[in-house]
């Protein structure tokens, strides 16, 4: 799908929040990077590495199936990444521009 409307492109660039559903087989750390890239309109390769602010292995571990079975409450975590506030809870990543 191609969108040639400059008004739509400008609106997407100015968005301040994005809610991203973590896909089947996608890790929370991958979802954070993809969602941040989408909101900031930045290629994934140009983002600062996630590990500079959050250990991807620990982030993924917080939301693993075994973690969900043993915890009474749903896990959630919030942190800053590439000029955005990232909140991960359940199967959702919410990215908000901090600027």
N, C-alpha and C. Protein backbone atom coordinates (compact mmCIF):
# COMPACT_ATOMS: atom_id res chain seq x y z
N UNK A 1 0.84 -1.16 0.00
CA UNK A 1 0.00 0.00 0.00
C UNK A 1 0.89 1.23 0.00
N UNK A 2 0.64 2.14 -0.92
CA UNK A 2 1.42 3.36 -1.04
C UNK A 2 0.55 4.54 -0.70
N UNK A 3 1.11 5.47 0.06
CA UNK A 3 0.39 6.67 0.43
C UNK A 3 1.17 7.87 -0.07
N UNK A 4 0.62 8.59 -1.06
CA UNK A 4 1.30 9.73 -1.64
C UNK A 4 0.87 11.05 -1.02
N UNK A 5 -0.03 11.04 -0.06
CA UNK A 5 -0.53 12.27 0.53
C UNK A 5 0.47 12.83 1.53
N UNK A 6 0.92 14.05 1.31
CA UNK A 6 1.88 14.66 2.23
C UNK A 6 1.23 14.96 3.57
N UNK A 7 -0.09 15.24 3.60
CA UNK A 7 -0.77 15.49 4.86
C UNK A 7 -0.73 14.25 5.75
N UNK A 8 -0.96 13.07 5.17
CA UNK A 8 -0.91 11.84 5.95
C UNK A 8 0.49 11.56 6.44
N UNK A 9 1.50 11.80 5.61
CA UNK A 9 2.88 11.58 6.03
C UNK A 9 3.27 12.54 7.15
N UNK A 10 2.82 13.80 7.06
CA UNK A 10 3.13 14.77 8.11
C UNK A 10 2.48 14.36 9.42
N UNK A 11 1.24 13.88 9.37
CA UNK A 11 0.54 13.44 10.57
C UNK A 11 1.26 12.27 11.21
N UNK A 12 1.71 11.31 10.41
CA UNK A 12 2.43 10.15 10.95
C UNK A 12 3.73 10.59 11.61
N UNK A 13 4.43 11.55 11.01
CA UNK A 13 5.69 12.03 11.56
C UNK A 13 5.47 12.74 12.88
N UNK A 14 4.34 13.42 13.05
CA UNK A 14 4.07 14.20 14.24
C UNK A 14 3.39 13.39 15.34
N UNK A 15 3.07 12.15 15.11
CA UNK A 15 2.40 11.33 16.12
C UNK A 15 3.24 11.32 17.39
N UNK A 16 2.57 11.37 18.52
CA UNK A 16 3.28 11.40 19.80
C UNK A 16 3.19 10.09 20.56
N UNK A 17 2.34 9.18 20.11
CA UNK A 17 2.19 7.90 20.80
C UNK A 17 1.83 6.80 19.81
N UNK A 18 2.33 5.61 20.10
CA UNK A 18 2.05 4.44 19.27
C UNK A 18 1.83 3.25 20.19
N UNK A 19 0.75 2.52 19.97
CA UNK A 19 0.51 1.27 20.69
C UNK A 19 0.78 0.13 19.71
N UNK A 20 1.64 -0.79 20.12
CA UNK A 20 2.12 -1.87 19.25
C UNK A 20 1.82 -3.19 19.93
N UNK A 21 1.10 -4.05 19.25
CA UNK A 21 0.81 -5.39 19.76
C UNK A 21 1.97 -6.32 19.41
N UNK A 22 2.52 -7.00 20.40
CA UNK A 22 3.61 -7.94 20.16
C UNK A 22 3.06 -9.15 19.42
N UNK A 23 3.66 -9.44 18.29
CA UNK A 23 3.19 -10.53 17.44
C UNK A 23 3.59 -11.90 17.94
N UNK A 24 2.90 -12.90 17.45
CA UNK A 24 3.22 -14.30 17.77
C UNK A 24 4.64 -14.58 17.33
N UNK A 25 5.46 -15.09 18.22
CA UNK A 25 6.84 -15.41 17.90
C UNK A 25 7.78 -14.22 17.94
N UNK A 26 7.27 -13.05 18.25
CA UNK A 26 8.10 -11.84 18.34
C UNK A 26 8.44 -11.60 19.82
N UNK A 27 9.68 -11.30 20.10
CA UNK A 27 10.07 -11.04 21.48
C UNK A 27 9.72 -9.60 21.86
N UNK A 28 9.50 -9.34 23.15
CA UNK A 28 9.25 -7.97 23.59
C UNK A 28 10.37 -7.01 23.19
N UNK A 29 11.62 -7.46 23.25
CA UNK A 29 12.73 -6.58 22.88
C UNK A 29 12.67 -6.21 21.39
N UNK A 30 12.33 -7.17 20.55
CA UNK A 30 12.16 -6.87 19.12
C UNK A 30 11.01 -5.90 18.90
N UNK A 31 9.92 -6.10 19.62
CA UNK A 31 8.75 -5.24 19.49
C UNK A 31 9.07 -3.80 19.91
N UNK A 32 9.84 -3.65 20.98
CA UNK A 32 10.23 -2.30 21.44
C UNK A 32 10.99 -1.58 20.34
N UNK A 33 11.95 -2.25 19.75
CA UNK A 33 12.77 -1.63 18.71
C UNK A 33 11.91 -1.29 17.49
N UNK A 34 11.07 -2.20 17.06
CA UNK A 34 10.22 -1.96 15.88
C UNK A 34 9.22 -0.82 16.14
N UNK A 35 8.61 -0.82 17.32
CA UNK A 35 7.64 0.22 17.64
C UNK A 35 8.30 1.59 17.73
N UNK A 36 9.48 1.64 18.33
CA UNK A 36 10.21 2.91 18.43
C UNK A 36 10.60 3.41 17.05
N UNK A 37 11.07 2.52 16.22
CA UNK A 37 11.44 2.90 14.85
C UNK A 37 10.21 3.43 14.10
N UNK A 38 9.07 2.79 14.28
CA UNK A 38 7.85 3.22 13.59
C UNK A 38 7.41 4.61 14.05
N UNK A 39 7.40 4.84 15.37
CA UNK A 39 6.95 6.14 15.87
C UNK A 39 7.89 7.26 15.47
N UNK A 40 9.18 7.00 15.55
CA UNK A 40 10.16 8.05 15.27
C UNK A 40 10.52 8.16 13.79
N UNK A 41 9.97 7.24 12.99
CA UNK A 41 10.27 7.21 11.56
C UNK A 41 11.79 7.11 11.34
N UNK A 42 12.41 6.22 12.09
CA UNK A 42 13.85 6.00 12.05
C UNK A 42 14.11 4.55 11.68
N UNK A 43 15.00 4.28 10.74
CA UNK A 43 15.34 2.89 10.45
C UNK A 43 15.89 2.20 11.71
N UNK A 44 15.51 0.96 11.91
CA UNK A 44 15.94 0.20 13.09
C UNK A 44 17.45 0.28 13.26
N UNK A 45 18.18 0.18 12.19
CA UNK A 45 19.65 0.18 12.25
C UNK A 45 20.21 1.50 12.76
N UNK A 46 19.43 2.60 12.65
CA UNK A 46 19.89 3.91 13.10
C UNK A 46 19.52 4.23 14.54
N UNK A 47 18.75 3.37 15.19
CA UNK A 47 18.43 3.58 16.60
C UNK A 47 19.63 3.25 17.47
N UNK A 48 19.71 3.89 18.64
CA UNK A 48 20.71 3.47 19.62
C UNK A 48 20.37 2.03 20.02
N UNK A 49 21.37 1.25 20.41
CA UNK A 49 21.07 -0.14 20.78
C UNK A 49 20.23 -0.22 22.05
N UNK A 50 19.26 -1.11 22.04
CA UNK A 50 18.41 -1.29 23.21
C UNK A 50 19.23 -1.64 24.44
N UNK A 51 20.27 -2.45 24.27
CA UNK A 51 21.06 -2.88 25.43
C UNK A 51 21.76 -1.73 26.14
N UNK A 52 21.79 -0.54 25.54
CA UNK A 52 22.41 0.61 26.23
C UNK A 52 21.52 1.13 27.36
N UNK A 53 20.23 0.75 27.35
CA UNK A 53 19.32 1.19 28.43
C UNK A 53 18.58 0.04 29.10
N UNK A 54 18.50 -1.11 28.43
CA UNK A 54 17.74 -2.24 28.97
C UNK A 54 18.34 -3.53 28.42
N UNK A 55 18.57 -4.49 29.30
CA UNK A 55 19.08 -5.78 28.86
C UNK A 55 17.95 -6.52 28.14
N UNK A 56 18.09 -6.74 26.83
CA UNK A 56 17.02 -7.40 26.08
C UNK A 56 16.67 -8.79 26.61
N UNK A 57 17.65 -9.52 27.11
CA UNK A 57 17.39 -10.87 27.64
C UNK A 57 16.50 -10.79 28.88
N UNK A 58 16.78 -9.83 29.75
CA UNK A 58 15.95 -9.67 30.95
C UNK A 58 14.56 -9.16 30.59
N UNK A 59 14.49 -8.24 29.65
CA UNK A 59 13.17 -7.75 29.20
C UNK A 59 12.34 -8.90 28.66
N UNK A 60 12.92 -9.71 27.80
CA UNK A 60 12.20 -10.86 27.24
C UNK A 60 11.81 -11.85 28.33
N UNK A 61 12.70 -12.04 29.31
CA UNK A 61 12.42 -12.97 30.41
C UNK A 61 11.25 -12.54 31.28
N UNK A 62 11.08 -11.22 31.44
CA UNK A 62 9.96 -10.71 32.22
C UNK A 62 8.62 -11.11 31.63
N UNK A 63 8.59 -11.27 30.32
CA UNK A 63 7.32 -11.53 29.64
C UNK A 63 7.25 -12.92 29.03
N UNK A 64 8.10 -13.83 29.50
CA UNK A 64 8.08 -15.21 29.00
C UNK A 64 6.85 -15.94 29.53
N UNK A 65 6.49 -17.02 28.89
CA UNK A 65 5.34 -17.82 29.31
C UNK A 65 5.51 -18.32 30.75
N UNK A 66 6.70 -18.76 31.12
CA UNK A 66 6.91 -19.28 32.47
C UNK A 66 6.76 -18.17 33.50
N UNK A 67 7.18 -16.96 33.16
CA UNK A 67 7.03 -15.83 34.07
C UNK A 67 5.56 -15.49 34.27
N UNK A 68 4.78 -15.56 33.22
CA UNK A 68 3.35 -15.25 33.31
C UNK A 68 2.62 -16.28 34.17
N UNK A 69 3.05 -17.53 34.12
CA UNK A 69 2.38 -18.59 34.88
C UNK A 69 2.68 -18.49 36.36
N UNK A 70 3.86 -18.00 36.74
CA UNK A 70 4.24 -17.99 38.15
C UNK A 70 3.89 -16.69 38.86
N UNK A 71 3.69 -15.62 38.15
CA UNK A 71 3.37 -14.34 38.77
C UNK A 71 1.86 -14.20 38.94
N UNK A 72 1.46 -13.58 40.04
CA UNK A 72 0.04 -13.35 40.27
C UNK A 72 -0.46 -12.13 39.52
N UNK A 73 0.42 -11.17 39.29
CA UNK A 73 0.05 -9.97 38.55
C UNK A 73 0.79 -9.96 37.22
N UNK A 74 0.24 -9.21 36.28
CA UNK A 74 0.90 -9.04 34.98
C UNK A 74 2.12 -8.15 35.16
N UNK A 75 3.24 -8.54 34.57
CA UNK A 75 4.45 -7.74 34.63
C UNK A 75 4.31 -6.51 33.76
N UNK A 76 5.01 -5.45 34.15
CA UNK A 76 5.10 -4.25 33.31
C UNK A 76 6.43 -3.58 33.60
N UNK A 77 6.93 -2.85 32.61
CA UNK A 77 8.18 -2.13 32.77
C UNK A 77 8.10 -0.86 31.91
N UNK A 78 8.70 0.22 32.42
CA UNK A 78 8.75 1.49 31.70
C UNK A 78 10.17 2.01 31.74
N UNK A 79 10.66 2.51 30.59
CA UNK A 79 12.01 3.02 30.51
C UNK A 79 12.11 3.98 29.32
N UNK A 80 13.20 4.74 29.27
CA UNK A 80 13.45 5.66 28.16
C UNK A 80 14.34 5.00 27.12
N UNK A 81 14.05 5.28 25.84
CA UNK A 81 14.82 4.69 24.75
C UNK A 81 14.67 5.57 23.53
N UNK A 82 15.77 6.08 23.02
CA UNK A 82 15.80 6.89 21.80
C UNK A 82 14.82 8.06 21.83
N UNK A 83 14.81 8.79 22.93
CA UNK A 83 13.95 9.96 23.04
C UNK A 83 12.49 9.64 23.26
N UNK A 84 12.20 8.41 23.65
CA UNK A 84 10.81 8.00 23.88
C UNK A 84 10.67 7.34 25.24
N UNK A 85 9.48 7.39 25.77
CA UNK A 85 9.12 6.65 26.98
C UNK A 85 8.46 5.36 26.51
N UNK A 86 9.02 4.23 26.90
CA UNK A 86 8.54 2.92 26.48
C UNK A 86 7.86 2.23 27.66
N UNK A 87 6.66 1.73 27.45
CA UNK A 87 5.96 0.94 28.47
C UNK A 87 5.61 -0.41 27.84
N UNK A 88 6.01 -1.47 28.51
CA UNK A 88 5.71 -2.83 28.05
C UNK A 88 4.86 -3.49 29.12
N UNK A 89 3.73 -4.01 28.72
CA UNK A 89 2.84 -4.72 29.64
C UNK A 89 2.10 -5.78 28.84
N UNK A 90 2.15 -6.99 29.32
CA UNK A 90 1.46 -8.07 28.61
C UNK A 90 1.99 -8.22 27.20
N UNK A 91 1.10 -8.13 26.24
CA UNK A 91 1.48 -8.27 24.84
C UNK A 91 1.47 -6.93 24.10
N UNK A 92 1.67 -5.85 24.85
CA UNK A 92 1.58 -4.52 24.26
C UNK A 92 2.79 -3.66 24.62
N UNK A 93 3.26 -2.92 23.62
CA UNK A 93 4.30 -1.92 23.81
C UNK A 93 3.68 -0.57 23.48
N UNK A 94 3.80 0.39 24.39
CA UNK A 94 3.33 1.75 24.14
C UNK A 94 4.57 2.64 24.10
N UNK A 95 4.71 3.38 23.01
CA UNK A 95 5.85 4.28 22.82
C UNK A 95 5.30 5.70 22.78
N UNK A 96 5.85 6.57 23.64
CA UNK A 96 5.47 7.98 23.66
C UNK A 96 6.71 8.83 23.47
N UNK A 97 6.61 9.84 22.62
CA UNK A 97 7.73 10.76 22.45
C UNK A 97 7.96 11.50 23.77
N UNK A 98 9.21 11.59 24.20
CA UNK A 98 9.54 12.32 25.43
C UNK A 98 9.76 13.80 25.16
N UNK A 99 10.04 14.12 23.93
CA UNK A 99 10.40 15.50 23.58
C UNK A 99 9.19 16.37 23.40
